[in-house]
Amino acid sequence: MAGIPEIIAWDNEVYQIEVNDPVIGGPDGVDNKPHRNLANRTQYLKQQQDSIKNEIANARAGYANLQARLEALETETIQGESNFNSTSGKTISHGLNYTNYMVNIIPISDTGGDLGDVFISKAANAFTVYNTGGFMGAFRYQIIT
C-alpha cells in the first residue's frame, strides 16, 4: 500500500466527491483528491509551524520561555552618572567583556547650548563618551545588553 504523494502547498479548497464521480483510486484518482488536498495543507501548516517554532527558540536565546528572556533583558542594564569631558572624552568601565550593547546618554544639567554632537566609542569593558562642544556638565548613562 502506497501513501498519497504530498507537496508543501496550501490547497484553497478540499475537493468534495460528487455523487456522479466514478470511484477511482490511485494517486490521481478522484477518491484520493480530498485526502491529497488535506495532506498538502498539513505539510504546509507543518512547515509554517516549524518555522515559527525555530524563530521563537532563537528569540528565547536559551531561556525557558520568552517571558524569562524578556525579564533577563530588563535586568541586564547598568546605569550611572558621570560628567562630560568635552572633546577629550570620558571613559566609563563596565566589565561586560563584549561590545554588543547599547548606551543611552542623557544630559542632566543645563548644557547652555554647548553640548555639540555626542558620540560613543565602545570597547569590551568600557565605553568613552565624547561631545564636540565644550560642555563639561553631568550626564546619566544606561547600558542595555
N, C-alpha and C. Protein backbone atom coordinates (compact mmCIF):
# COMPACT_ATOMS: atom_id res chain seq x y z
N MET A 1 0.85 -1.17 0.00
CA MET A 1 0.00 0.00 0.00
C MET A 1 0.90 1.23 0.00
N ALA A 2 0.65 2.14 -0.90
CA ALA A 2 1.45 3.35 -1.02
C ALA A 2 0.72 4.52 -0.35
N GLY A 3 1.50 5.48 0.08
CA GLY A 3 0.92 6.69 0.66
C GLY A 3 0.58 7.69 -0.44
N ILE A 4 -0.22 8.67 -0.09
CA ILE A 4 -0.58 9.72 -1.03
C ILE A 4 0.61 10.65 -1.19
N PRO A 5 1.01 10.95 -2.43
CA PRO A 5 2.10 11.90 -2.62
C PRO A 5 1.70 13.28 -2.09
N GLU A 6 2.56 13.88 -1.29
CA GLU A 6 2.25 15.18 -0.68
C GLU A 6 3.21 16.24 -1.20
N ILE A 7 2.72 17.45 -1.28
CA ILE A 7 3.57 18.59 -1.59
C ILE A 7 3.28 19.66 -0.54
N ILE A 8 4.25 20.54 -0.33
CA ILE A 8 4.05 21.63 0.62
C ILE A 8 3.34 22.75 -0.12
N ALA A 9 2.03 22.79 0.03
CA ALA A 9 1.23 23.80 -0.66
C ALA A 9 -0.08 23.98 0.08
N TRP A 10 -0.61 25.18 0.00
CA TRP A 10 -1.93 25.44 0.58
C TRP A 10 -2.96 25.28 -0.53
N ASP A 11 -3.69 24.18 -0.53
CA ASP A 11 -4.78 23.99 -1.48
C ASP A 11 -5.96 24.82 -0.99
N ASN A 12 -6.49 25.68 -1.85
CA ASN A 12 -7.54 26.61 -1.44
C ASN A 12 -8.85 25.93 -1.08
N GLU A 13 -9.02 24.75 -1.52
CA GLU A 13 -10.25 24.03 -1.15
C GLU A 13 -9.95 22.56 -1.03
N VAL A 14 -10.86 21.86 -0.34
CA VAL A 14 -10.79 20.40 -0.26
C VAL A 14 -11.90 19.88 -1.16
N TYR A 15 -11.49 19.07 -2.12
CA TYR A 15 -12.44 18.58 -3.11
C TYR A 15 -13.54 17.76 -2.43
N GLN A 16 -14.75 18.01 -2.86
CA GLN A 16 -15.89 17.23 -2.38
C GLN A 16 -16.23 16.19 -3.45
N ILE A 17 -16.23 14.94 -3.08
CA ILE A 17 -16.57 13.88 -4.03
C ILE A 17 -18.06 14.01 -4.35
N GLU A 18 -18.35 14.10 -5.63
CA GLU A 18 -19.73 14.26 -6.10
C GLU A 18 -20.37 12.89 -6.31
N VAL A 19 -21.69 12.84 -6.29
CA VAL A 19 -22.41 11.58 -6.43
C VAL A 19 -22.18 10.93 -7.80
N ASN A 20 -21.89 11.73 -8.81
CA ASN A 20 -21.68 11.16 -10.14
C ASN A 20 -20.20 10.92 -10.45
N ASP A 21 -19.27 11.17 -9.48
CA ASP A 21 -17.85 10.88 -9.70
C ASP A 21 -17.65 9.37 -9.72
N PRO A 22 -16.88 8.89 -10.68
CA PRO A 22 -16.58 7.45 -10.69
C PRO A 22 -15.62 7.12 -9.54
N VAL A 23 -15.74 5.95 -9.01
CA VAL A 23 -14.85 5.51 -7.94
C VAL A 23 -13.53 5.10 -8.58
N ILE A 24 -12.53 5.96 -8.41
CA ILE A 24 -11.22 5.69 -8.98
C ILE A 24 -10.19 5.99 -7.89
N GLY A 25 -9.34 5.01 -7.62
CA GLY A 25 -8.29 5.19 -6.63
C GLY A 25 -6.99 5.61 -7.30
N GLY A 26 -5.90 5.42 -6.60
CA GLY A 26 -4.59 5.77 -7.14
C GLY A 26 -4.23 7.22 -6.82
N PRO A 27 -2.98 7.62 -7.12
CA PRO A 27 -2.51 8.94 -6.73
C PRO A 27 -3.30 10.08 -7.37
N ASP A 28 -3.83 9.88 -8.58
CA ASP A 28 -4.60 10.93 -9.23
C ASP A 28 -6.10 10.63 -9.24
N GLY A 29 -6.51 9.62 -8.52
CA GLY A 29 -7.91 9.23 -8.51
C GLY A 29 -8.79 10.21 -7.75
N VAL A 30 -10.04 10.29 -8.17
CA VAL A 30 -10.99 11.20 -7.56
C VAL A 30 -11.18 10.88 -6.08
N ASP A 31 -11.20 9.63 -5.73
CA ASP A 31 -11.40 9.25 -4.33
C ASP A 31 -10.28 9.75 -3.41
N ASN A 32 -9.10 9.96 -3.95
CA ASN A 32 -7.97 10.42 -3.14
C ASN A 32 -7.74 11.93 -3.20
N LYS A 33 -8.47 12.62 -4.07
CA LYS A 33 -8.26 14.06 -4.23
C LYS A 33 -8.46 14.84 -2.92
N PRO A 34 -9.55 14.64 -2.17
CA PRO A 34 -9.69 15.39 -0.92
C PRO A 34 -8.62 15.05 0.11
N HIS A 35 -8.20 13.78 0.11
CA HIS A 35 -7.14 13.37 1.05
C HIS A 35 -5.82 14.05 0.68
N ARG A 36 -5.56 14.16 -0.63
CA ARG A 36 -4.35 14.83 -1.10
C ARG A 36 -4.40 16.32 -0.73
N ASN A 37 -5.58 16.95 -0.91
CA ASN A 37 -5.73 18.36 -0.52
C ASN A 37 -5.40 18.54 0.96
N LEU A 38 -5.94 17.70 1.80
CA LEU A 38 -5.70 17.80 3.24
C LEU A 38 -4.25 17.48 3.60
N ALA A 39 -3.66 16.51 2.91
CA ALA A 39 -2.25 16.17 3.16
C ALA A 39 -1.34 17.34 2.78
N ASN A 40 -1.64 17.98 1.65
CA ASN A 40 -0.84 19.14 1.23
C ASN A 40 -0.95 20.27 2.26
N ARG A 41 -2.17 20.53 2.70
CA ARG A 41 -2.37 21.57 3.70
C ARG A 41 -1.62 21.24 5.00
N THR A 42 -1.66 19.97 5.38
CA THR A 42 -0.97 19.54 6.59
C THR A 42 0.53 19.79 6.47
N GLN A 43 1.11 19.46 5.32
CA GLN A 43 2.54 19.70 5.10
C GLN A 43 2.85 21.19 5.14
N TYR A 44 1.98 21.99 4.52
CA TYR A 44 2.16 23.44 4.51
C TYR A 44 2.13 23.99 5.94
N LEU A 45 1.12 23.59 6.70
CA LEU A 45 1.00 24.07 8.08
C LEU A 45 2.16 23.58 8.95
N LYS A 46 2.62 22.38 8.71
CA LYS A 46 3.76 21.84 9.46
C LYS A 46 5.00 22.67 9.19
N GLN A 47 5.23 23.04 7.93
CA GLN A 47 6.38 23.88 7.59
C GLN A 47 6.27 25.25 8.28
N GLN A 48 5.07 25.84 8.27
CA GLN A 48 4.87 27.13 8.93
C GLN A 48 5.11 27.01 10.44
N GLN A 49 4.58 25.96 11.03
CA GLN A 49 4.73 25.76 12.47
C GLN A 49 6.20 25.55 12.83
N ASP A 50 6.93 24.78 12.04
CA ASP A 50 8.35 24.58 12.31
C ASP A 50 9.13 25.89 12.22
N SER A 51 8.79 26.71 11.24
CA SER A 51 9.46 28.00 11.07
C SER A 51 9.22 28.89 12.28
N ILE A 52 7.98 28.96 12.73
CA ILE A 52 7.64 29.77 13.91
C ILE A 52 8.32 29.22 15.15
N LYS A 53 8.33 27.91 15.29
CA LYS A 53 8.96 27.27 16.44
C LYS A 53 10.45 27.61 16.49
N ASN A 54 11.12 27.57 15.34
CA ASN A 54 12.55 27.90 15.29
C ASN A 54 12.79 29.37 15.61
N GLU A 55 11.93 30.23 15.11
CA GLU A 55 12.09 31.66 15.38
C GLU A 55 11.91 31.95 16.87
N ILE A 56 10.95 31.32 17.49
CA ILE A 56 10.73 31.51 18.93
C ILE A 56 11.92 30.96 19.72
N ALA A 57 12.43 29.80 19.31
CA ALA A 57 13.59 29.23 20.01
C ALA A 57 14.78 30.17 19.92
N ASN A 58 14.99 30.77 18.76
CA ASN A 58 16.09 31.73 18.61
C ASN A 58 15.86 32.96 19.48
N ALA A 59 14.63 33.45 19.54
CA ALA A 59 14.32 34.62 20.35
C ALA A 59 14.49 34.32 21.85
N ARG A 60 14.24 33.08 22.24
CA ARG A 60 14.39 32.70 23.65
C ARG A 60 15.85 32.72 24.08
N ALA A 61 16.76 32.52 23.14
CA ALA A 61 18.21 32.58 23.41
C ALA A 61 18.62 31.69 24.58
N GLY A 62 18.07 30.49 24.64
CA GLY A 62 18.45 29.54 25.68
C GLY A 62 17.64 29.63 26.96
N TYR A 63 16.75 30.62 27.07
CA TYR A 63 15.90 30.73 28.26
C TYR A 63 14.71 29.79 28.13
N ALA A 64 14.07 29.47 29.24
CA ALA A 64 12.96 28.52 29.27
C ALA A 64 11.78 28.97 28.41
N ASN A 65 11.55 30.28 28.36
CA ASN A 65 10.44 30.81 27.56
C ASN A 65 10.72 32.28 27.25
N LEU A 66 9.88 32.88 26.43
CA LEU A 66 10.09 34.28 26.05
C LEU A 66 9.97 35.23 27.23
N GLN A 67 9.08 34.94 28.15
CA GLN A 67 8.94 35.80 29.33
C GLN A 67 10.23 35.84 30.13
N ALA A 68 10.86 34.69 30.31
CA ALA A 68 12.13 34.64 31.05
C ALA A 68 13.21 35.44 30.31
N ARG A 69 13.21 35.35 28.98
CA ARG A 69 14.18 36.12 28.19
C ARG A 69 13.95 37.62 28.35
N LEU A 70 12.69 38.05 28.28
CA LEU A 70 12.38 39.47 28.45
C LEU A 70 12.75 39.97 29.85
N GLU A 71 12.49 39.16 30.85
CA GLU A 71 12.84 39.55 32.22
C GLU A 71 14.36 39.68 32.36
N ALA A 72 15.10 38.78 31.72
CA ALA A 72 16.55 38.86 31.76
C ALA A 72 17.05 40.11 31.06
N LEU A 73 16.45 40.44 29.94
CA LEU A 73 16.85 41.65 29.21
C LEU A 73 16.59 42.89 30.04
N GLU A 74 15.48 42.91 30.75
CA GLU A 74 15.15 44.07 31.57
C GLU A 74 16.11 44.25 32.74
N THR A 75 16.69 43.16 33.21
CA THR A 75 17.60 43.26 34.35
C THR A 75 19.04 43.43 33.92
N GLU A 76 19.34 43.25 32.65
CA GLU A 76 20.71 43.37 32.17
C GLU A 76 21.00 44.81 31.75
N THR A 77 20.89 45.70 32.69
CA THR A 77 21.22 47.10 32.42
C THR A 77 22.17 47.60 33.50
N ILE A 78 23.02 48.51 33.10
CA ILE A 78 23.93 49.17 34.02
C ILE A 78 23.66 50.66 33.88
N GLN A 79 23.49 51.33 34.99
CA GLN A 79 23.19 52.76 34.96
C GLN A 79 24.14 53.51 35.87
N GLY A 80 24.30 54.76 35.56
CA GLY A 80 25.15 55.58 36.40
C GLY A 80 25.17 57.02 35.92
N GLU A 81 25.97 57.83 36.59
CA GLU A 81 26.11 59.23 36.23
C GLU A 81 27.59 59.57 36.15
N SER A 82 27.89 60.53 35.31
CA SER A 82 29.26 60.99 35.16
C SER A 82 29.21 62.41 34.60
N ASN A 83 30.35 62.94 34.22
CA ASN A 83 30.43 64.27 33.62
C ASN A 83 31.08 64.19 32.25
N PHE A 84 30.57 64.98 31.33
CA PHE A 84 31.19 65.09 30.02
C PHE A 84 32.59 65.67 30.20
N ASN A 85 33.48 65.30 29.32
CA ASN A 85 34.84 65.83 29.36
C ASN A 85 35.17 66.47 28.02
N SER A 86 34.14 67.07 27.41
CA SER A 86 34.29 67.76 26.14
C SER A 86 34.88 66.83 25.09
N THR A 87 35.75 67.33 24.26
CA THR A 87 36.30 66.53 23.16
C THR A 87 37.34 65.51 23.63
N SER A 88 37.79 65.62 24.88
CA SER A 88 38.76 64.65 25.42
C SER A 88 38.11 63.31 25.71
N GLY A 89 36.80 63.31 25.94
CA GLY A 89 36.08 62.07 26.22
C GLY A 89 36.15 61.66 27.67
N LYS A 90 35.12 60.94 28.06
CA LYS A 90 35.03 60.42 29.43
C LYS A 90 34.85 58.91 29.32
N THR A 91 35.78 58.14 29.86
CA THR A 91 35.72 56.68 29.79
C THR A 91 35.06 56.12 31.04
N ILE A 92 34.13 55.20 30.81
CA ILE A 92 33.40 54.56 31.90
C ILE A 92 33.58 53.05 31.76
N SER A 93 34.08 52.42 32.82
CA SER A 93 34.30 50.97 32.82
C SER A 93 33.02 50.25 33.20
N HIS A 94 32.82 49.05 32.64
CA HIS A 94 31.63 48.28 32.98
C HIS A 94 31.88 46.79 33.13
N GLY A 95 32.88 46.20 32.55
CA GLY A 95 33.20 44.79 32.74
C GLY A 95 32.28 43.81 32.05
N LEU A 96 31.60 44.18 30.97
CA LEU A 96 30.71 43.25 30.27
C LEU A 96 31.48 42.21 29.45
N ASN A 97 32.67 42.52 29.04
CA ASN A 97 33.53 41.64 28.25
C ASN A 97 33.05 41.40 26.83
N TYR A 98 32.21 42.26 26.29
CA TYR A 98 31.82 42.20 24.88
C TYR A 98 31.30 43.57 24.46
N THR A 99 31.16 43.76 23.16
CA THR A 99 30.77 45.08 22.65
C THR A 99 29.37 45.13 22.08
N ASN A 100 28.61 44.06 22.21
CA ASN A 100 27.25 44.04 21.69
C ASN A 100 26.28 44.60 22.73
N TYR A 101 26.36 45.88 22.96
CA TYR A 101 25.47 46.55 23.92
C TYR A 101 25.12 47.93 23.38
N MET A 102 24.13 48.54 23.98
CA MET A 102 23.69 49.87 23.58
C MET A 102 23.86 50.80 24.77
N VAL A 103 24.26 52.04 24.48
CA VAL A 103 24.45 53.03 25.53
C VAL A 103 23.52 54.22 25.26
N ASN A 104 22.73 54.57 26.26
CA ASN A 104 21.90 55.78 26.21
C ASN A 104 22.56 56.84 27.08
N ILE A 105 22.64 58.05 26.55
CA ILE A 105 23.23 59.17 27.28
C ILE A 105 22.21 60.30 27.35
N ILE A 106 22.00 60.85 28.55
CA ILE A 106 21.08 61.97 28.73
C ILE A 106 21.75 63.02 29.61
N PRO A 107 21.94 64.23 29.11
CA PRO A 107 22.47 65.29 29.97
C PRO A 107 21.49 65.56 31.11
N ILE A 108 22.01 65.76 32.32
CA ILE A 108 21.11 66.02 33.45
C ILE A 108 21.35 67.39 34.05
N SER A 109 22.13 68.17 33.37
CA SER A 109 22.27 69.57 33.77
C SER A 109 22.15 70.42 32.51
N ASP A 110 21.90 71.67 32.69
CA ASP A 110 21.71 72.59 31.57
C ASP A 110 22.99 72.66 30.74
N THR A 111 22.88 72.35 29.46
CA THR A 111 24.05 72.35 28.58
C THR A 111 24.40 73.75 28.10
N GLY A 112 23.51 74.69 28.26
CA GLY A 112 23.76 76.05 27.81
C GLY A 112 24.04 76.13 26.32
N GLY A 113 23.57 75.13 25.57
CA GLY A 113 23.78 75.11 24.13
C GLY A 113 25.19 74.75 23.72
N ASP A 114 25.99 74.25 24.67
CA ASP A 114 27.40 73.99 24.39
C ASP A 114 27.74 72.50 24.35
N LEU A 115 26.73 71.64 24.15
CA LEU A 115 26.98 70.20 24.15
C LEU A 115 27.58 69.73 22.82
N GLY A 116 27.06 70.19 21.71
CA GLY A 116 27.52 69.71 20.41
C GLY A 116 27.02 68.30 20.17
N ASP A 117 27.67 67.61 19.25
CA ASP A 117 27.31 66.22 18.97
C ASP A 117 27.91 65.31 20.03
N VAL A 118 27.16 64.27 20.38
CA VAL A 118 27.63 63.28 21.34
C VAL A 118 27.88 61.98 20.58
N PHE A 119 29.03 61.38 20.80
CA PHE A 119 29.29 60.08 20.19
C PHE A 119 30.01 59.20 21.20
N ILE A 120 29.88 57.89 20.98
CA ILE A 120 30.36 56.90 21.94
C ILE A 120 31.26 55.91 21.24
N SER A 121 32.37 55.61 21.85
CA SER A 121 33.29 54.58 21.37
C SER A 121 33.20 53.41 22.34
N LYS A 122 32.75 52.25 21.86
CA LYS A 122 32.55 51.09 22.74
C LYS A 122 33.75 50.15 22.70
N ALA A 123 34.06 49.58 23.83
CA ALA A 123 35.07 48.54 23.96
C ALA A 123 34.47 47.43 24.81
N ALA A 124 35.19 46.33 24.97
CA ALA A 124 34.66 45.17 25.67
C ALA A 124 34.37 45.44 27.15
N ASN A 125 35.16 46.27 27.79
CA ASN A 125 34.99 46.50 29.23
C ASN A 125 34.80 47.97 29.60
N ALA A 126 34.58 48.81 28.60
CA ALA A 126 34.40 50.24 28.87
C ALA A 126 33.84 50.92 27.62
N PHE A 127 33.35 52.12 27.79
CA PHE A 127 32.96 52.96 26.66
C PHE A 127 33.41 54.38 26.98
N THR A 128 33.64 55.14 25.92
CA THR A 128 34.06 56.52 26.08
C THR A 128 33.03 57.42 25.42
N VAL A 129 32.60 58.45 26.17
CA VAL A 129 31.61 59.41 25.68
C VAL A 129 32.33 60.69 25.30
N TYR A 130 32.12 61.12 24.08
CA TYR A 130 32.71 62.36 23.59
C TYR A 130 31.59 63.34 23.25
N ASN A 131 31.88 64.63 23.34
CA ASN A 131 30.98 65.63 22.79
C ASN A 131 31.82 66.68 22.08
N THR A 132 31.29 67.22 21.01
CA THR A 132 32.05 68.15 20.18
C THR A 132 32.02 69.57 20.71
N GLY A 133 31.20 69.82 21.70
CA GLY A 133 31.15 71.15 22.31
C GLY A 133 32.08 71.23 23.50
N GLY A 134 32.01 72.30 24.22
CA GLY A 134 32.86 72.47 25.40
C GLY A 134 32.18 72.08 26.70
N PHE A 135 31.00 71.46 26.62
CA PHE A 135 30.22 71.15 27.81
C PHE A 135 30.92 70.13 28.69
N MET A 136 30.96 70.41 30.00
CA MET A 136 31.61 69.52 30.96
C MET A 136 30.64 69.10 32.07
N GLY A 137 29.35 69.33 31.87
CA GLY A 137 28.36 69.04 32.90
C GLY A 137 28.03 67.56 33.01
N ALA A 138 27.04 67.29 33.87
CA ALA A 138 26.67 65.92 34.22
C ALA A 138 25.80 65.26 33.15
N PHE A 139 25.90 63.93 33.07
CA PHE A 139 25.03 63.12 32.23
C PHE A 139 24.72 61.81 32.94
N ARG A 140 23.63 61.22 32.56
CA ARG A 140 23.23 59.90 33.06
C ARG A 140 23.40 58.93 31.90
N TYR A 141 23.92 57.75 32.18
CA TYR A 141 24.07 56.73 31.15
C TYR A 141 23.34 55.45 31.55
N GLN A 142 22.97 54.72 30.53
CA GLN A 142 22.34 53.41 30.72
C GLN A 142 22.92 52.49 29.65
N ILE A 143 23.46 51.36 30.11
CA ILE A 143 23.96 50.35 29.19
C ILE A 143 22.91 49.26 29.14
N ILE A 144 22.49 48.92 27.94
CA ILE A 144 21.49 47.86 27.73
C ILE A 144 22.13 46.74 26.94
N THR A 145 22.05 45.53 27.48
CA THR A 145 22.64 44.39 26.77
C THR A 145 21.56 43.52 26.18
